[in-house]
C-alpha atoms as a PDB file:
ATOM      1  CA  UNK A   1     103.129 129.648  52.009  1.00  0.00           C
ATOM      2  CA  UNK A   2     104.957 126.703  53.153  1.00  0.00           C
ATOM      3  CA  UNK A   3     108.054 127.091  51.005  1.00  0.00           C
ATOM      4  CA  UNK A   4     108.116 130.575  53.007  1.00  0.00           C
ATOM      5  CA  UNK A   5     107.952 128.959  56.427  1.00  0.00           C
ATOM      6  CA  UNK A   6     110.322 126.263  55.346  1.00  0.00           C
ATOM      7  CA  UNK A   7     112.790 128.857  54.644  1.00  0.00           C
ATOM      8  CA  UNK A   8     112.638 130.675  57.276  1.00  0.00           C
ATOM      9  CA  UNK A   9     115.966 131.262  59.511  1.00  0.00           C
ATOM     10  CA  UNK A  10     114.393 130.207  62.759  1.00  0.00           C
ATOM     11  CA  UNK A  11     114.221 126.451  63.318  1.00  0.00           C
ATOM     12  CA  UNK A  12     113.105 126.926  66.904  1.00  0.00           C
ATOM     13  CA  UNK A  13     109.510 127.727  66.243  1.00  0.00           C
ATOM     14  CA  UNK A  14     109.040 124.002  65.112  1.00  0.00           C
ATOM     15  CA  UNK A  15     109.231 123.119  68.575  1.00  0.00           C
ATOM     16  CA  UNK A  16     106.090 124.890  69.279  1.00  0.00           C
ATOM     17  CA  UNK A  17     104.245 121.771  67.774  1.00  0.00           C
ATOM     18  CA  UNK A  18     105.275 119.774  71.074  1.00  0.00           C
ATOM     19  CA  UNK A  19     102.564 122.026  72.586  1.00  0.00           C
ATOM     20  CA  UNK A  20      99.936 120.010  71.266  1.00  0.00           C
ATOM     21  CA  UNK A  21     101.173 116.903  73.126  1.00  0.00           C
ATOM     22  CA  UNK A  22      99.975 118.778  76.213  1.00  0.00           C
ATOM     23  CA  UNK A  23      96.127 117.964  75.137  1.00  0.00           C
ATOM     24  CA  UNK A  24      97.047 114.470  76.023  1.00  0.00           C
ATOM     25  CA  UNK A  25      96.975 115.199  79.806  1.00  0.00           C
ATOM     26  CA  UNK A  26      93.542 115.294  79.263  1.00  0.00           C
ATOM     27  CA  UNK A  27      93.210 111.647  78.507  1.00  0.00           C
ATOM     28  CA  UNK A  28      93.220 109.067  81.104  1.00  0.00           C
ATOM     29  CA  UNK A  29      95.684 105.930  81.505  1.00  0.00           C
ATOM     30  CA  UNK A  30      94.788 102.531  81.256  1.00  0.00           C
ATOM     31  CA  UNK A  31      94.260 102.394  84.946  1.00  0.00           C
ATOM     32  CA  UNK A  32      91.701 105.224  84.719  1.00  0.00           C
ATOM     33  CA  UNK A  33      93.948 107.966  86.301  1.00  0.00           C
ATOM     34  CA  UNK A  34      94.643 111.322  84.796  1.00  0.00           C
ATOM     35  CA  UNK A  35      98.074 111.853  83.352  1.00  0.00           C
ATOM     36  CA  UNK A  36      99.241 115.230  84.437  1.00  0.00           C
ATOM     37  CA  UNK A  37     102.647 115.137  83.237  1.00  0.00           C
ATOM     38  CA  UNK A  38     101.606 115.647  79.648  1.00  0.00           C
ATOM     39  CA  UNK A  39     100.277 119.353  80.858  1.00  0.00           C
ATOM     40  CA  UNK A  40     104.153 120.408  80.851  1.00  0.00           C
ATOM     41  CA  UNK A  41     104.240 120.171  77.190  1.00  0.00           C
ATOM     42  CA  UNK A  42     101.884 123.220  77.174  1.00  0.00           C
ATOM     43  CA  UNK A  43     105.130 125.407  77.749  1.00  0.00           C
ATOM     44  CA  UNK A  44     106.393 124.603  74.318  1.00  0.00           C
ATOM     45  CA  UNK A  45     103.759 126.626  72.602  1.00  0.00           C
ATOM     46  CA  UNK A  46     105.654 129.855  73.639  1.00  0.00           C
ATOM     47  CA  UNK A  47     108.178 128.654  71.145  1.00  0.00           C
ATOM     48  CA  UNK A  48     106.096 129.704  68.366  1.00  0.00           C
ATOM     49  CA  UNK A  49     106.417 133.354  69.741  1.00  0.00           C
ATOM     50  CA  UNK A  50     110.233 133.067  70.080  1.00  0.00           C
ATOM     51  CA  UNK A  51     110.756 131.603  66.817  1.00  0.00           C
ATOM     52  CA  UNK A  52     108.658 134.693  65.430  1.00  0.00           C
ATOM     53  CA  UNK A  53     110.925 137.252  67.498  1.00  0.00           C
ATOM     54  CA  UNK A  54     113.848 135.276  65.933  1.00  0.00           C
ATOM     55  CA  UNK A  55     112.946 135.822  62.478  1.00  0.00           C
ATOM     56  CA  UNK A  56     112.351 139.531  62.984  1.00  0.00           C
ATOM     57  CA  UNK A  57     115.530 140.320  64.797  1.00  0.00           C
ATOM     58  CA  UNK A  58     118.048 137.650  63.615  1.00  0.00           C
ATOM     59  CA  UNK A  59     121.100 139.516  64.964  1.00  0.00           C
ATOM     60  CA  UNK A  60     123.466 139.478  67.807  1.00  0.00           C
ATOM     61  CA  UNK A  61     120.942 141.507  70.050  1.00  0.00           C
ATOM     62  CA  UNK A  62     118.485 138.019  69.957  1.00  0.00           C
ATOM     63  CA  UNK A  63     121.559 136.062  71.013  1.00  0.00           C
ATOM     64  CA  UNK A  64     122.504 138.614  73.776  1.00  0.00           C
ATOM     65  CA  UNK A  65     118.570 138.655  74.738  1.00  0.00           C
ATOM     66  CA  UNK A  66     118.744 134.647  74.917  1.00  0.00           C
ATOM     67  CA  UNK A  67     121.903 134.885  77.375  1.00  0.00           C
ATOM     68  CA  UNK A  68     120.457 137.328  79.448  1.00  0.00           C
ATOM     69  CA  UNK A  69     117.091 135.314  79.762  1.00  0.00           C
ATOM     70  CA  UNK A  70     119.064 132.115  80.510  1.00  0.00           C
ATOM     71  CA  UNK A  71     120.889 133.888  83.296  1.00  0.00           C
ATOM     72  CA  UNK A  72     117.817 134.961  84.764  1.00  0.00           C
ATOM     73  CA  UNK A  73     116.170 131.276  84.333  1.00  0.00           C
ATOM     74  CA  UNK A  74     119.389 130.064  86.215  1.00  0.00           C
ATOM     75  CA  UNK A  75     118.216 132.844  89.086  1.00  0.00           C
ATOM     76  CA  UNK A  76     114.755 131.330  88.754  1.00  0.00           C
ATOM     77  CA  UNK A  77     116.036 127.695  88.811  1.00  0.00           C
ATOM     78  CA  UNK A  78     118.037 128.552  92.091  1.00  0.00           C
ATOM     79  CA  UNK A  79     115.342 130.219  93.727  1.00  0.00           C
ATOM     80  CA  UNK A  80     113.220 127.025  92.996  1.00  0.00           C
ATOM     81  CA  UNK A  81     115.762 124.948  94.740  1.00  0.00           C
ATOM     82  CA  UNK A  82     116.224 127.028  97.773  1.00  0.00           C
ATOM     83  CA  UNK A  83     112.758 127.285  98.262  1.00  0.00           C
ATOM     84  CA  UNK A  84     112.270 123.416  98.028  1.00  0.00           C
ATOM     85  CA  UNK A  85     115.356 123.063 100.624  1.00  0.00           C
ATOM     86  CA  UNK A  86     113.413 125.386 102.667  1.00  0.00           C
ATOM     87  CA  UNK A  87     110.232 123.502 102.649  1.00  0.00           C
ATOM     88  CA  UNK A  88     112.038 120.282 103.403  1.00  0.00           C
ATOM     89  CA  UNK A  89     113.554 122.082 106.521  1.00  0.00           C
ATOM     90  CA  UNK A  90     110.240 123.601 107.530  1.00  0.00           C
ATOM     91  CA  UNK A  91     108.651 120.182 106.927  1.00  0.00           C
ATOM     92  CA  UNK A  92     109.965 118.495 109.951  1.00  0.00           C
ATOM     93  CA  UNK A  93     109.415 121.540 112.065  1.00  0.00           C
ATOM     94  CA  UNK A  94     106.068 123.204 110.956  1.00  0.00           C
ATOM     95  CA  UNK A  95     104.144 121.557 108.237  1.00  0.00           C
ATOM     96  CA  UNK A  96     104.365 118.170 109.559  1.00  0.00           C
ATOM     97  CA  UNK A  97     103.240 116.460 106.120  1.00  0.00           C
ATOM     98  CA  UNK A  98     103.660 112.955 105.910  1.00  0.00           C
ATOM     99  CA  UNK A  99     102.417 111.932 102.676  1.00  0.00           C
ATOM    100  CA  UNK A 100     101.902 113.565  99.160  1.00  0.00           C
ATOM    101  CA  UNK A 101     100.242 111.552  96.287  1.00  0.00           C
ATOM    102  CA  UNK A 102     102.297 111.137  93.300  1.00  0.00           C
ATOM    103  CA  UNK A 103      99.643 112.783  90.807  1.00  0.00           C
ATOM    104  CA  UNK A 104     100.320 115.968  92.998  1.00  0.00           C
ATOM    105  CA  UNK A 105     103.949 115.760  92.495  1.00  0.00           C
ATOM    106  CA  UNK A 106     103.307 115.359  88.737  1.00  0.00           C
ATOM    107  CA  UNK A 107     101.058 118.279  88.618  1.00  0.00           C
ATOM    108  CA  UNK A 108     103.600 120.500  90.444  1.00  0.00           C
ATOM    109  CA  UNK A 109     106.554 119.244  88.018  1.00  0.00           C
ATOM    110  CA  UNK A 110     104.400 119.901  84.937  1.00  0.00           C
ATOM    111  CA  UNK A 111     103.746 123.408  86.089  1.00  0.00           C
ATOM    112  CA  UNK A 112     107.123 124.224  87.123  1.00  0.00           C
ATOM    113  CA  UNK A 113     108.527 122.716  83.554  1.00  0.00           C
ATOM    114  CA  UNK A 114     105.787 124.769  81.810  1.00  0.00           C
ATOM    115  CA  UNK A 115     106.091 127.876  83.695  1.00  0.00           C
ATOM    116  CA  UNK A 116     109.647 127.954  83.197  1.00  0.00           C
ATOM    117  CA  UNK A 117     109.658 127.828  79.300  1.00  0.00           C
ATOM    118  CA  UNK A 118     106.834 130.331  79.207  1.00  0.00           C
ATOM    119  CA  UNK A 119     108.727 132.619  81.665  1.00  0.00           C
ATOM    120  CA  UNK A 120     111.911 132.256  79.429  1.00  0.00           C
ATOM    121  CA  UNK A 121     110.099 133.302  76.492  1.00  0.00           C
ATOM    122  CA  UNK A 122     108.574 136.196  78.191  1.00  0.00           C
ATOM    123  CA  UNK A 123     111.943 137.501  79.256  1.00  0.00           C
ATOM    124  CA  UNK A 124     113.500 137.111  75.745  1.00  0.00           C
ATOM    125  CA  UNK A 125     110.376 139.404  74.730  1.00  0.00           C
ATOM    126  CA  UNK A 126     110.871 141.819  77.473  1.00  0.00           C
ATOM    127  CA  UNK A 127     114.464 142.159  77.330  1.00  0.00           C
ATOM    128  CA  UNK A 128     113.964 142.984  73.442  1.00  0.00           C
ATOM    129  CA  UNK A 129     111.302 145.617  74.441  1.00  0.00           C
ATOM    130  CA  UNK A 130     113.603 147.000  77.024  1.00  0.00           C
ATOM    131  CA  UNK A 131     116.461 147.834  74.622  1.00  0.00           C
END
């Protein structure tokens, strides 16, 4: 069984094991604070799914799906940047937020990173099913 897995043409599936590092987010640091940044690794579990799809369709259609998902992710990242810019502008006029704890920033960054990996995997699957 392991020989069959090792001979598979999809090596991206091995990145899925990085998802287990996400469980380190439940551990505490030496100072006793939670380490939210490790939750970003949960997004790597989506590579198990993408690797399975790459084994099933190892042709140029999969490459095209990767490219289409990459373009959609660029749109998603530009939307995130635009919303961040709007928030910064509105903060001085409307929200008046003076202080944000670093743990909240870590949690938001981890969530955005993990959700972007999961969204890219879903878009690859969606583009494969549409055609």
